[in-house]
């Protein structure tokens, strides 16, 4: 059973998003926040694309990392942090379309690690979302004690 240790997780995530400069530069917007689940979208621009108009793989991987990470953040205590320990992204189709949708969720919650998955979909103006990538990620929890030890 997924359990959050921070009753104010939604407000805290929204506040963290305000300081997330990388997401702002990319243009990524979080559209849904639930305990253990985050969703968002990216309206594609030329800066996100490589040859033939395909979305750059690094953009897709970044979206998967962001939503998986914030899904884990929603479950840890307020004074804890989350960092990516490992992520593996599998690509199924090139990202062609007007926008990308990303969904991240925790599949197994632990004290020091949360195991997450993410899905990234491509959407054209008239089309249905097409799954273009899926990621598995291990998100490590950093406690205040961990920070003091490394300080």
N, C-alpha and C. Protein backbone atom coordinates (compact mmCIF):
# COMPACT_ATOMS: atom_id res chain seq x y z
N UNK A 1 0.84 -1.18 0.00
CA UNK A 1 0.00 0.00 0.00
C UNK A 1 0.89 1.25 0.00
N UNK A 2 0.60 2.18 -0.89
CA UNK A 2 1.34 3.44 -0.97
C UNK A 2 0.85 4.38 0.13
N UNK A 3 1.82 4.98 0.86
CA UNK A 3 1.47 5.88 1.96
C UNK A 3 2.36 7.10 1.90
N UNK A 4 1.76 8.28 2.02
CA UNK A 4 2.56 9.49 2.09
C UNK A 4 2.86 9.81 3.55
N UNK A 5 4.05 10.33 3.80
CA UNK A 5 4.46 10.73 5.14
C UNK A 5 4.45 12.25 5.27
N UNK A 6 3.81 12.91 4.33
CA UNK A 6 3.73 14.37 4.32
C UNK A 6 2.32 14.76 3.89
N UNK A 7 1.46 15.16 4.83
CA UNK A 7 0.09 15.51 4.45
C UNK A 7 0.02 16.73 3.53
N UNK A 8 1.07 17.54 3.49
CA UNK A 8 1.11 18.74 2.65
C UNK A 8 1.90 18.52 1.36
N UNK A 9 2.00 17.26 0.91
CA UNK A 9 2.86 16.95 -0.23
C UNK A 9 2.51 17.75 -1.47
N UNK A 10 1.24 17.99 -1.74
CA UNK A 10 0.87 18.70 -2.97
C UNK A 10 1.38 20.14 -2.94
N UNK A 11 1.17 20.84 -1.83
CA UNK A 11 1.66 22.22 -1.70
C UNK A 11 3.19 22.25 -1.75
N UNK A 12 3.83 21.29 -1.11
CA UNK A 12 5.30 21.25 -1.10
C UNK A 12 5.85 20.99 -2.50
N UNK A 13 5.21 20.10 -3.26
CA UNK A 13 5.68 19.84 -4.62
C UNK A 13 5.48 21.08 -5.48
N UNK A 14 4.34 21.75 -5.35
CA UNK A 14 4.11 22.97 -6.13
C UNK A 14 5.17 24.03 -5.81
N UNK A 15 5.57 24.13 -4.56
CA UNK A 15 6.61 25.08 -4.16
C UNK A 15 7.96 24.68 -4.76
N UNK A 16 8.28 23.39 -4.76
CA UNK A 16 9.53 22.91 -5.36
C UNK A 16 9.54 23.16 -6.87
N UNK A 17 8.38 23.02 -7.49
CA UNK A 17 8.28 23.24 -8.93
C UNK A 17 8.62 24.69 -9.29
N UNK A 18 8.29 25.62 -8.42
CA UNK A 18 8.61 27.03 -8.67
C UNK A 18 10.11 27.26 -8.74
N UNK A 19 10.90 26.43 -8.03
CA UNK A 19 12.35 26.57 -8.02
C UNK A 19 13.03 25.66 -9.04
N UNK A 20 12.28 24.91 -9.80
CA UNK A 20 12.81 23.91 -10.74
C UNK A 20 13.13 24.60 -12.07
N UNK A 21 14.29 25.21 -12.16
CA UNK A 21 14.67 25.99 -13.33
C UNK A 21 14.80 25.14 -14.60
N UNK A 22 15.28 23.91 -14.47
CA UNK A 22 15.43 23.05 -15.65
C UNK A 22 14.08 22.80 -16.30
N UNK A 23 13.08 22.50 -15.48
CA UNK A 23 11.74 22.27 -16.02
C UNK A 23 11.20 23.52 -16.71
N UNK A 24 11.47 24.68 -16.13
CA UNK A 24 11.01 25.94 -16.74
C UNK A 24 11.68 26.13 -18.10
N UNK A 25 12.99 25.87 -18.18
CA UNK A 25 13.69 26.00 -19.45
C UNK A 25 13.13 25.05 -20.51
N UNK A 26 12.78 23.86 -20.09
CA UNK A 26 12.21 22.89 -21.03
C UNK A 26 10.78 23.27 -21.43
N UNK A 27 10.06 23.92 -20.50
CA UNK A 27 8.65 24.23 -20.75
C UNK A 27 7.71 23.16 -20.23
N UNK A 28 8.20 22.28 -19.35
CA UNK A 28 7.38 21.20 -18.82
C UNK A 28 6.45 21.72 -17.73
N UNK A 29 5.20 21.28 -17.78
CA UNK A 29 4.19 21.71 -16.81
C UNK A 29 3.57 20.49 -16.15
N UNK A 30 3.56 20.47 -14.82
CA UNK A 30 2.90 19.40 -14.08
C UNK A 30 1.40 19.68 -14.09
N UNK A 31 0.62 18.67 -14.45
CA UNK A 31 -0.83 18.84 -14.57
C UNK A 31 -1.63 18.08 -13.52
N UNK A 32 -0.99 17.11 -12.85
CA UNK A 32 -1.71 16.31 -11.85
C UNK A 32 -0.74 15.87 -10.78
N UNK A 33 -1.13 16.06 -9.52
CA UNK A 33 -0.32 15.63 -8.38
C UNK A 33 -1.20 14.81 -7.45
N UNK A 34 -0.81 13.57 -7.25
CA UNK A 34 -1.47 12.68 -6.29
C UNK A 34 -0.38 11.96 -5.52
N UNK A 35 -0.73 11.38 -4.40
CA UNK A 35 0.25 10.62 -3.62
C UNK A 35 0.76 9.45 -4.47
N UNK A 36 2.04 9.47 -4.77
CA UNK A 36 2.66 8.40 -5.54
C UNK A 36 2.45 8.47 -7.04
N UNK A 37 1.89 9.59 -7.53
CA UNK A 37 1.61 9.70 -8.97
C UNK A 37 1.68 11.18 -9.40
N UNK A 38 2.42 11.42 -10.50
CA UNK A 38 2.57 12.76 -11.06
C UNK A 38 2.37 12.67 -12.57
N UNK A 39 1.70 13.66 -13.14
CA UNK A 39 1.53 13.73 -14.58
C UNK A 39 1.85 15.14 -15.05
N UNK A 40 2.28 15.25 -16.30
CA UNK A 40 2.58 16.56 -16.85
C UNK A 40 2.64 16.53 -18.36
N UNK A 41 2.85 17.71 -18.93
CA UNK A 41 2.90 17.82 -20.38
C UNK A 41 3.97 18.81 -20.82
N UNK A 42 4.42 18.60 -22.04
CA UNK A 42 5.40 19.47 -22.68
C UNK A 42 4.91 19.78 -24.08
N UNK A 43 4.64 21.04 -24.36
CA UNK A 43 4.30 21.45 -25.72
C UNK A 43 5.62 21.51 -26.48
N UNK A 44 5.71 20.73 -27.56
CA UNK A 44 6.98 20.59 -28.28
C UNK A 44 7.29 21.83 -29.12
N UNK A 45 8.56 22.24 -29.04
CA UNK A 45 9.09 23.35 -29.82
C UNK A 45 10.32 22.83 -30.58
N UNK A 46 10.84 23.66 -31.44
CA UNK A 46 12.02 23.27 -32.22
C UNK A 46 13.19 22.88 -31.33
N UNK A 47 13.36 23.56 -30.20
CA UNK A 47 14.48 23.26 -29.32
C UNK A 47 14.44 21.85 -28.73
N UNK A 48 13.28 21.19 -28.77
CA UNK A 48 13.14 19.84 -28.24
C UNK A 48 13.41 18.76 -29.29
N UNK A 49 13.61 19.19 -30.54
CA UNK A 49 13.65 18.22 -31.64
C UNK A 49 15.06 18.03 -32.18
N UNK A 50 15.26 16.87 -32.78
CA UNK A 50 16.48 16.57 -33.52
C UNK A 50 16.12 16.40 -34.99
N UNK A 51 16.96 15.77 -35.76
CA UNK A 51 16.72 15.60 -37.20
C UNK A 51 15.35 14.95 -37.45
N UNK A 52 14.79 15.23 -38.58
CA UNK A 52 13.49 14.70 -39.01
C UNK A 52 12.34 15.13 -38.09
N UNK A 53 12.60 16.05 -37.18
CA UNK A 53 11.55 16.54 -36.29
C UNK A 53 11.23 15.66 -35.11
N UNK A 54 12.01 14.57 -34.91
CA UNK A 54 11.77 13.69 -33.78
C UNK A 54 12.18 14.38 -32.48
N UNK A 55 11.44 14.09 -31.42
CA UNK A 55 11.82 14.63 -30.11
C UNK A 55 13.14 14.00 -29.68
N UNK A 56 14.04 14.82 -29.18
CA UNK A 56 15.34 14.34 -28.72
C UNK A 56 15.15 13.35 -27.57
N UNK A 57 15.91 12.25 -27.60
CA UNK A 57 15.81 11.23 -26.57
C UNK A 57 16.10 11.75 -25.18
N UNK A 58 16.99 12.73 -25.09
CA UNK A 58 17.29 13.31 -23.78
C UNK A 58 16.11 14.04 -23.18
N UNK A 59 15.29 14.64 -24.02
CA UNK A 59 14.07 15.32 -23.54
C UNK A 59 13.12 14.27 -22.97
N UNK A 60 12.94 13.19 -23.70
CA UNK A 60 12.04 12.12 -23.26
C UNK A 60 12.52 11.52 -21.94
N UNK A 61 13.82 11.24 -21.84
CA UNK A 61 14.38 10.69 -20.61
C UNK A 61 14.24 11.66 -19.45
N UNK A 62 14.43 12.95 -19.71
CA UNK A 62 14.29 13.96 -18.66
C UNK A 62 12.87 14.00 -18.13
N UNK A 63 11.89 13.93 -19.01
CA UNK A 63 10.49 13.93 -18.55
C UNK A 63 10.20 12.71 -17.69
N UNK A 64 10.69 11.55 -18.11
CA UNK A 64 10.49 10.33 -17.33
C UNK A 64 11.12 10.47 -15.94
N UNK A 65 12.32 11.02 -15.88
CA UNK A 65 13.02 11.22 -14.62
C UNK A 65 12.27 12.20 -13.72
N UNK A 66 11.78 13.28 -14.29
CA UNK A 66 11.06 14.29 -13.51
C UNK A 66 9.80 13.71 -12.87
N UNK A 67 8.96 13.05 -13.66
CA UNK A 67 7.70 12.56 -13.10
C UNK A 67 7.91 11.40 -12.13
N UNK A 68 8.88 10.54 -12.40
CA UNK A 68 9.18 9.46 -11.45
C UNK A 68 9.71 10.04 -10.14
N UNK A 69 10.60 11.00 -10.25
CA UNK A 69 11.18 11.63 -9.05
C UNK A 69 10.15 12.34 -8.20
N UNK A 70 9.29 13.12 -8.83
CA UNK A 70 8.27 13.84 -8.05
C UNK A 70 7.21 12.88 -7.50
N UNK A 71 6.95 11.76 -8.18
CA UNK A 71 6.05 10.75 -7.61
C UNK A 71 6.63 10.24 -6.29
N UNK A 72 7.94 10.00 -6.26
CA UNK A 72 8.60 9.56 -5.03
C UNK A 72 8.60 10.68 -3.97
N UNK A 73 8.84 11.91 -4.40
CA UNK A 73 8.85 13.04 -3.46
C UNK A 73 7.51 13.15 -2.73
N UNK A 74 6.43 12.83 -3.41
CA UNK A 74 5.10 12.95 -2.80
C UNK A 74 4.90 12.01 -1.61
N UNK A 75 5.76 11.03 -1.46
CA UNK A 75 5.58 10.03 -0.40
C UNK A 75 6.51 10.18 0.79
N UNK A 76 7.60 10.94 0.64
CA UNK A 76 8.59 11.02 1.73
C UNK A 76 8.23 12.15 2.70
N UNK A 77 8.76 12.08 3.93
CA UNK A 77 8.51 13.17 4.88
C UNK A 77 9.00 14.52 4.35
N UNK A 78 8.43 15.58 4.88
CA UNK A 78 8.68 16.94 4.40
C UNK A 78 10.17 17.29 4.40
N UNK A 79 10.92 16.84 5.39
CA UNK A 79 12.34 17.22 5.50
C UNK A 79 13.28 16.26 4.76
N UNK A 80 12.73 15.34 3.99
CA UNK A 80 13.53 14.40 3.20
C UNK A 80 13.59 14.85 1.75
N UNK A 81 14.57 14.35 1.03
CA UNK A 81 14.76 14.69 -0.38
C UNK A 81 14.85 13.39 -1.18
N UNK A 82 14.73 13.52 -2.49
CA UNK A 82 14.79 12.35 -3.37
C UNK A 82 15.77 12.65 -4.50
N UNK A 83 16.63 11.68 -4.80
CA UNK A 83 17.53 11.78 -5.95
C UNK A 83 17.43 10.49 -6.75
N UNK A 84 17.71 10.59 -8.02
CA UNK A 84 17.67 9.42 -8.89
C UNK A 84 18.90 8.57 -8.61
N UNK A 85 18.67 7.31 -8.25
CA UNK A 85 19.77 6.37 -8.05
C UNK A 85 20.05 5.60 -9.34
N UNK A 86 18.97 5.31 -10.09
CA UNK A 86 19.12 4.58 -11.35
C UNK A 86 17.87 4.81 -12.19
N UNK A 87 18.07 4.93 -13.49
CA UNK A 87 16.93 5.02 -14.40
C UNK A 87 17.28 4.32 -15.70
N UNK A 88 16.31 3.58 -16.22
CA UNK A 88 16.47 2.91 -17.50
C UNK A 88 15.27 3.29 -18.35
N UNK A 89 15.55 3.83 -19.53
CA UNK A 89 14.49 4.25 -20.42
C UNK A 89 14.50 3.36 -21.66
N UNK A 90 13.34 2.84 -22.01
CA UNK A 90 13.17 2.06 -23.24
C UNK A 90 12.31 2.89 -24.19
N UNK A 91 12.79 3.03 -25.41
CA UNK A 91 12.11 3.83 -26.42
C UNK A 91 11.39 2.90 -27.41
N UNK A 92 10.11 3.19 -27.68
CA UNK A 92 9.31 2.35 -28.56
C UNK A 92 9.02 3.00 -29.91
N UNK A 93 8.82 4.30 -29.92
CA UNK A 93 8.50 5.05 -31.13
C UNK A 93 9.18 6.41 -31.06
N UNK A 94 9.47 7.02 -32.20
CA UNK A 94 10.00 8.39 -32.16
C UNK A 94 8.92 9.35 -31.68
N UNK A 95 9.34 10.37 -30.98
CA UNK A 95 8.40 11.38 -30.48
C UNK A 95 8.04 12.36 -31.58
N UNK A 96 6.94 12.08 -32.24
CA UNK A 96 6.45 12.97 -33.29
C UNK A 96 5.09 13.48 -32.83
N UNK A 97 4.88 14.77 -32.93
CA UNK A 97 3.58 15.30 -32.54
C UNK A 97 3.71 16.71 -32.02
N UNK A 98 2.64 17.17 -31.40
CA UNK A 98 2.57 18.53 -30.90
C UNK A 98 2.98 18.66 -29.43
N UNK A 99 2.78 17.57 -28.68
CA UNK A 99 3.14 17.61 -27.26
C UNK A 99 3.44 16.22 -26.75
N UNK A 100 4.08 16.20 -25.59
CA UNK A 100 4.36 14.96 -24.89
C UNK A 100 3.60 14.97 -23.57
N UNK A 101 3.09 13.82 -23.20
CA UNK A 101 2.48 13.62 -21.89
C UNK A 101 3.37 12.66 -21.13
N UNK A 102 3.60 12.93 -19.85
CA UNK A 102 4.43 12.06 -19.02
C UNK A 102 3.68 11.72 -17.75
N UNK A 103 3.75 10.44 -17.38
CA UNK A 103 3.10 9.94 -16.17
C UNK A 103 4.11 9.16 -15.37
N UNK A 104 4.23 9.50 -14.09
CA UNK A 104 5.16 8.79 -13.22
C UNK A 104 4.43 8.29 -11.99
N UNK A 105 4.81 7.10 -11.53
CA UNK A 105 4.13 6.54 -10.37
C UNK A 105 5.07 5.62 -9.62
N UNK A 106 4.84 5.53 -8.33
CA UNK A 106 5.62 4.65 -7.46
C UNK A 106 4.96 3.27 -7.50
N UNK A 107 5.77 2.25 -7.78
CA UNK A 107 5.22 0.88 -7.80
C UNK A 107 5.58 0.10 -6.54
N UNK A 108 6.67 0.49 -5.86
CA UNK A 108 7.04 -0.13 -4.60
C UNK A 108 7.72 0.92 -3.74
N UNK A 109 7.15 1.13 -2.59
CA UNK A 109 7.64 2.15 -1.67
C UNK A 109 8.52 1.51 -0.61
N UNK A 110 9.64 2.18 -0.31
CA UNK A 110 10.53 1.71 0.74
C UNK A 110 11.05 2.88 1.56
N UNK A 111 11.78 2.57 2.63
CA UNK A 111 12.32 3.64 3.49
C UNK A 111 13.44 4.42 2.80
N UNK A 112 14.34 3.69 2.12
CA UNK A 112 15.48 4.34 1.48
C UNK A 112 15.37 4.41 -0.03
N UNK A 113 14.55 3.56 -0.63
CA UNK A 113 14.37 3.55 -2.08
C UNK A 113 12.88 3.45 -2.42
N UNK A 114 12.50 4.20 -3.43
CA UNK A 114 11.17 4.04 -4.03
C UNK A 114 11.40 3.59 -5.46
N UNK A 115 10.71 2.52 -5.84
CA UNK A 115 10.82 2.00 -7.20
C UNK A 115 9.67 2.57 -8.00
N UNK A 116 10.01 3.23 -9.10
CA UNK A 116 9.03 3.99 -9.87
C UNK A 116 9.05 3.55 -11.33
N UNK A 117 7.96 3.87 -12.00
CA UNK A 117 7.89 3.72 -13.44
C UNK A 117 7.36 5.02 -14.01
N UNK A 118 7.69 5.24 -15.28
CA UNK A 118 7.19 6.42 -15.99
C UNK A 118 6.85 6.01 -17.41
N UNK A 119 5.86 6.69 -17.95
CA UNK A 119 5.45 6.49 -19.33
C UNK A 119 5.42 7.85 -20.01
N UNK A 120 5.91 7.91 -21.24
CA UNK A 120 5.89 9.15 -22.01
C UNK A 120 5.13 8.87 -23.30
N UNK A 121 4.17 9.73 -23.58
CA UNK A 121 3.30 9.60 -24.75
C UNK A 121 3.48 10.79 -25.67
N UNK A 122 3.38 10.56 -26.96
CA UNK A 122 3.38 11.61 -27.98
C UNK A 122 1.94 11.82 -28.41
N UNK A 123 1.57 13.10 -28.62
CA UNK A 123 0.20 13.42 -29.02
C UNK A 123 0.24 14.36 -30.22
N UNK A 124 -0.49 14.02 -31.25
CA UNK A 124 -0.65 14.92 -32.40
C UNK A 124 -1.95 15.69 -32.20
N UNK A 125 -2.16 16.72 -33.00
CA UNK A 125 -3.34 17.56 -32.88
C UNK A 125 -4.64 16.79 -32.85
N UNK A 126 -4.79 15.78 -33.69
CA UNK A 126 -6.05 15.05 -33.79
C UNK A 126 -5.96 13.63 -33.25
N UNK A 127 -4.77 13.20 -32.89
CA UNK A 127 -4.59 11.79 -32.57
C UNK A 127 -4.68 11.45 -31.10
N UNK A 128 -4.75 10.17 -30.87
CA UNK A 128 -4.71 9.62 -29.52
C UNK A 128 -3.27 9.57 -29.04
N UNK A 129 -3.05 9.61 -27.74
CA UNK A 129 -1.68 9.48 -27.23
C UNK A 129 -1.07 8.14 -27.64
N UNK A 130 0.21 8.18 -28.04
CA UNK A 130 0.95 6.98 -28.44
C UNK A 130 2.11 6.82 -27.46
N UNK A 131 2.18 5.66 -26.80
CA UNK A 131 3.28 5.39 -25.88
C UNK A 131 4.58 5.33 -26.66
N UNK A 132 5.51 6.23 -26.33
CA UNK A 132 6.79 6.27 -27.05
C UNK A 132 7.96 5.81 -26.19
N UNK A 133 7.79 5.83 -24.86
CA UNK A 133 8.88 5.39 -23.98
C UNK A 133 8.33 5.00 -22.62
N UNK A 134 9.06 4.09 -21.99
CA UNK A 134 8.73 3.67 -20.64
C UNK A 134 10.03 3.60 -19.86
N UNK A 135 9.99 4.01 -18.60
CA UNK A 135 11.19 4.01 -17.78
C UNK A 135 10.95 3.31 -16.45
N UNK A 136 12.00 2.70 -15.95
CA UNK A 136 12.03 2.14 -14.59
C UNK A 136 13.08 2.94 -13.85
N UNK A 137 12.75 3.35 -12.64
CA UNK A 137 13.69 4.18 -11.89
C UNK A 137 13.71 3.79 -10.42
N UNK A 138 14.88 3.90 -9.82
CA UNK A 138 15.05 3.76 -8.37
C UNK A 138 15.36 5.15 -7.85
N UNK A 139 14.53 5.63 -6.94
CA UNK A 139 14.70 6.95 -6.36
C UNK A 139 15.14 6.80 -4.91
N UNK A 140 16.32 7.33 -4.59
CA UNK A 140 16.88 7.21 -3.24
C UNK A 140 16.39 8.36 -2.37
N UNK A 141 16.05 8.02 -1.14
CA UNK A 141 15.62 9.02 -0.16
C UNK A 141 16.83 9.51 0.61
N UNK A 142 16.98 10.82 0.68
CA UNK A 142 18.06 11.46 1.43
C UNK A 142 17.44 12.10 2.68
N UNK A 143 17.88 11.66 3.84
CA UNK A 143 17.34 12.15 5.11
C UNK A 143 18.17 13.34 5.60
N UNK A 144 17.66 14.09 6.58
CA UNK A 144 18.47 15.16 7.18
C UNK A 144 19.77 14.63 7.77
N UNK A 145 19.75 13.41 8.31
CA UNK A 145 20.96 12.81 8.88
C UNK A 145 21.99 12.53 7.79
N UNK A 146 21.52 12.09 6.61
CA UNK A 146 22.42 11.86 5.49
C UNK A 146 23.14 13.16 5.11
N UNK A 147 22.41 14.25 5.09
CA UNK A 147 22.97 15.56 4.71
C UNK A 147 23.99 16.00 5.75
N UNK A 148 23.69 15.82 7.04
CA UNK A 148 24.62 16.20 8.10
C UNK A 148 25.92 15.42 8.01
N UNK A 149 25.81 14.12 7.73
CA UNK A 149 27.01 13.26 7.62
C UNK A 149 27.91 13.70 6.46
N UNK A 150 27.31 14.18 5.39
CA UNK A 150 28.08 14.56 4.21
C UNK A 150 28.52 16.02 4.27
N UNK A 151 27.84 16.80 5.14
CA UNK A 151 28.03 18.23 5.26
C UNK A 151 29.41 18.69 5.23
